[in-house]
Protein backbone atom coordinates (compact mmCIF):
# COMPACT_ATOMS: atom_id res chain seq x y z
CA MET A 1 -13.99 7.50 10.43
CA LEU A 2 -15.49 10.77 11.64
CA SER A 3 -18.75 10.13 9.82
CA SER A 4 -19.08 6.40 10.50
CA MET A 5 -20.50 6.65 14.00
CA PRO A 6 -23.00 9.41 13.18
CA GLY A 7 -23.97 7.59 9.97
CA GLY A 8 -24.50 4.33 11.81
CA ALA A 9 -26.49 6.04 14.56
CA LEU A 10 -28.64 7.75 11.95
CA SER A 11 -29.38 4.42 10.27
CA ASP A 12 -30.54 3.10 13.66
CA ARG A 13 -32.99 6.00 14.05
CA ILE A 14 -34.45 6.30 10.56
CA ASP A 15 -35.04 3.90 7.68
CA ARG A 16 -31.63 2.54 6.67
CA ARG A 17 -32.58 2.74 3.01
CA TYR A 18 -32.78 6.53 3.22
CA VAL A 19 -29.35 6.72 4.82
CA ILE A 20 -27.87 4.47 2.12
CA ILE A 21 -29.51 6.44 -0.69
CA SER A 22 -28.29 9.69 0.86
CA GLY A 23 -24.77 8.27 0.94
CA TRP A 24 -24.95 7.21 -2.69
CA PHE A 25 -26.13 10.68 -3.69
CA VAL A 26 -23.22 12.19 -1.74
CA TYR A 27 -20.98 9.79 -3.70
CA SER A 28 -22.42 10.99 -7.00
CA ILE A 29 -21.94 14.66 -6.08
CA ILE A 30 -18.34 14.00 -5.07
CA TYR A 31 -17.66 12.04 -8.26
CA PHE A 32 -19.12 14.85 -10.38
CA ALA A 33 -16.87 17.25 -8.47
CA PHE A 34 -13.84 15.00 -9.12
CA ALA A 35 -14.67 15.20 -12.83
CA PHE A 36 -14.17 18.95 -12.77
CA ALA A 37 -11.41 19.26 -10.17
CA THR A 38 -8.48 21.24 -11.53
CA GLU A 39 -6.22 21.77 -8.53
CA ALA A 40 -4.51 19.34 -6.16
CA TYR A 41 -6.30 20.82 -3.17
CA HIS A 42 -9.63 19.99 -4.86
CA ALA A 43 -8.68 16.31 -4.75
CA TRP A 44 -7.65 16.54 -1.09
CA LEU A 45 -10.91 18.21 -0.16
CA LEU A 46 -12.99 15.76 -2.17
CA PHE A 47 -11.22 12.75 -0.65
CA ALA A 48 -12.02 14.15 2.79
CA LEU A 49 -15.67 14.59 1.80
CA TYR A 50 -15.66 11.08 0.33
CA GLY A 51 -15.56 9.90 3.94
CA ILE A 52 -19.12 11.20 4.37
CA TYR A 53 -20.27 8.74 1.72
CA PHE A 54 -18.51 5.90 3.52
CA GLY A 55 -19.88 6.94 6.88
CA LEU A 56 -23.43 6.97 5.58
CA THR A 57 -23.28 3.71 3.66
CA GLU A 58 -20.89 1.17 5.16
CA GLY A 59 -22.60 0.53 8.48
CA ALA A 60 -26.10 1.03 7.10
CA GLU A 61 -25.56 -1.47 4.27
CA ARG A 62 -24.32 -4.14 6.66
CA ALA A 63 -27.18 -3.45 9.07
CA LEU A 64 -29.65 -3.72 6.19
CA VAL A 65 -28.21 -7.12 5.30
CA SER A 66 -28.80 -8.15 8.90
CA ASP A 67 -32.36 -6.80 8.80
CA MET A 68 -33.21 -8.78 5.68
CA VAL A 69 -32.35 -12.26 6.95
CA SER A 70 -32.96 -14.37 10.01
CA PRO A 71 -30.22 -14.55 12.67
CA GLU A 72 -29.38 -18.07 11.50
CA GLU A 73 -28.68 -16.84 7.96
CA ARG A 74 -26.59 -13.76 8.79
CA GLY A 75 -23.18 -15.35 8.30
CA ARG A 76 -24.11 -16.60 4.86
CA ALA A 77 -25.77 -13.27 3.99
CA TYR A 78 -22.69 -11.27 5.01
CA GLY A 79 -20.50 -13.66 3.05
CA LEU A 80 -22.68 -13.25 -0.05
CA TYR A 81 -22.78 -9.46 0.38
CA HIS A 82 -18.99 -9.17 0.65
CA PHE A 83 -18.49 -11.68 -2.17
CA ALA A 84 -20.74 -9.63 -4.48
CA VAL A 85 -19.02 -6.36 -3.56
CA GLY A 86 -15.58 -7.90 -4.05
CA ILE A 87 -16.47 -9.49 -7.38
CA ALA A 88 -17.99 -6.22 -8.65
CA LEU A 89 -14.99 -4.10 -7.66
CA LEU A 90 -12.52 -5.72 -10.04
CA PRO A 91 -14.42 -5.20 -13.31
CA ALA A 92 -15.63 -1.79 -12.11
CA SER A 93 -12.05 -0.69 -11.51
CA ILE A 94 -10.91 -2.03 -14.86
CA LEU A 95 -13.80 -0.30 -16.63
CA MET A 96 -13.01 2.98 -14.85
CA GLY A 97 -9.41 2.68 -16.04
CA PHE A 98 -10.43 2.04 -19.65
CA ILE A 99 -12.85 4.96 -19.63
CA TRP A 100 -10.24 7.22 -18.03
CA GLN A 101 -7.60 6.18 -20.56
CA GLY A 102 -9.91 6.44 -23.56
CA PHE A 103 -12.01 9.48 -22.69
CA GLY A 104 -10.35 11.24 -19.76
CA HIS A 105 -11.01 11.57 -16.07
CA GLU A 106 -13.97 13.88 -16.59
CA ILE A 107 -15.98 11.21 -18.39
CA ALA A 108 -14.80 8.43 -16.07
CA PHE A 109 -15.89 10.23 -12.90
CA SER A 110 -19.11 11.47 -14.49
CA PHE A 111 -19.91 7.91 -15.54
CA GLY A 112 -19.37 6.72 -11.96
CA ALA A 113 -21.63 9.48 -10.66
CA ILE A 114 -24.39 8.62 -13.12
CA LEU A 115 -24.19 4.93 -12.22
CA SER A 116 -24.52 5.87 -8.56
CA ILE A 117 -27.67 7.87 -9.28
CA MET A 118 -29.08 4.99 -11.32
CA ALA A 119 -28.28 2.52 -8.54
CA SER A 120 -30.01 4.80 -6.03
CA ILE A 121 -33.16 4.89 -8.16
CA LEU A 122 -33.15 1.11 -8.57
CA PHE A 123 -32.56 0.69 -4.84
CA ILE A 124 -35.61 2.85 -4.06
CA PHE A 125 -37.86 0.60 -6.14
CA LEU A 126 -36.30 -2.81 -5.53
CA VAL A 127 -35.40 -2.85 -1.83
CA ARG A 128 -38.50 -2.95 0.31
CA LYS A 129 -38.78 -2.60 4.03
């Protein structure tokens, strides 16, 4: 909540793609840190920092959806965006659980961080202004 307004304002001033990519890199750093957290207070601190990722990405992603379609298509575009996110979350969560159970939390969080970096790289090349 504390980072949502500054993150949204930043995405209004500079290219939204850079704000989104920055957020995804913050996500990857936090997930790598979760992989090596050993104390309860580490988790509390990392969850608080996780809010920075949300603040940088949530508003900027929705605004980017709006930027990419005509006003007449926005409802459908938002519906498709939220459908895709929702559909992806279930198998992603199940996969995270299997990796955690089979290989431990270190590998599970590291895998999530690596996927975030890979998604950021793909985003740079595939999403044009």
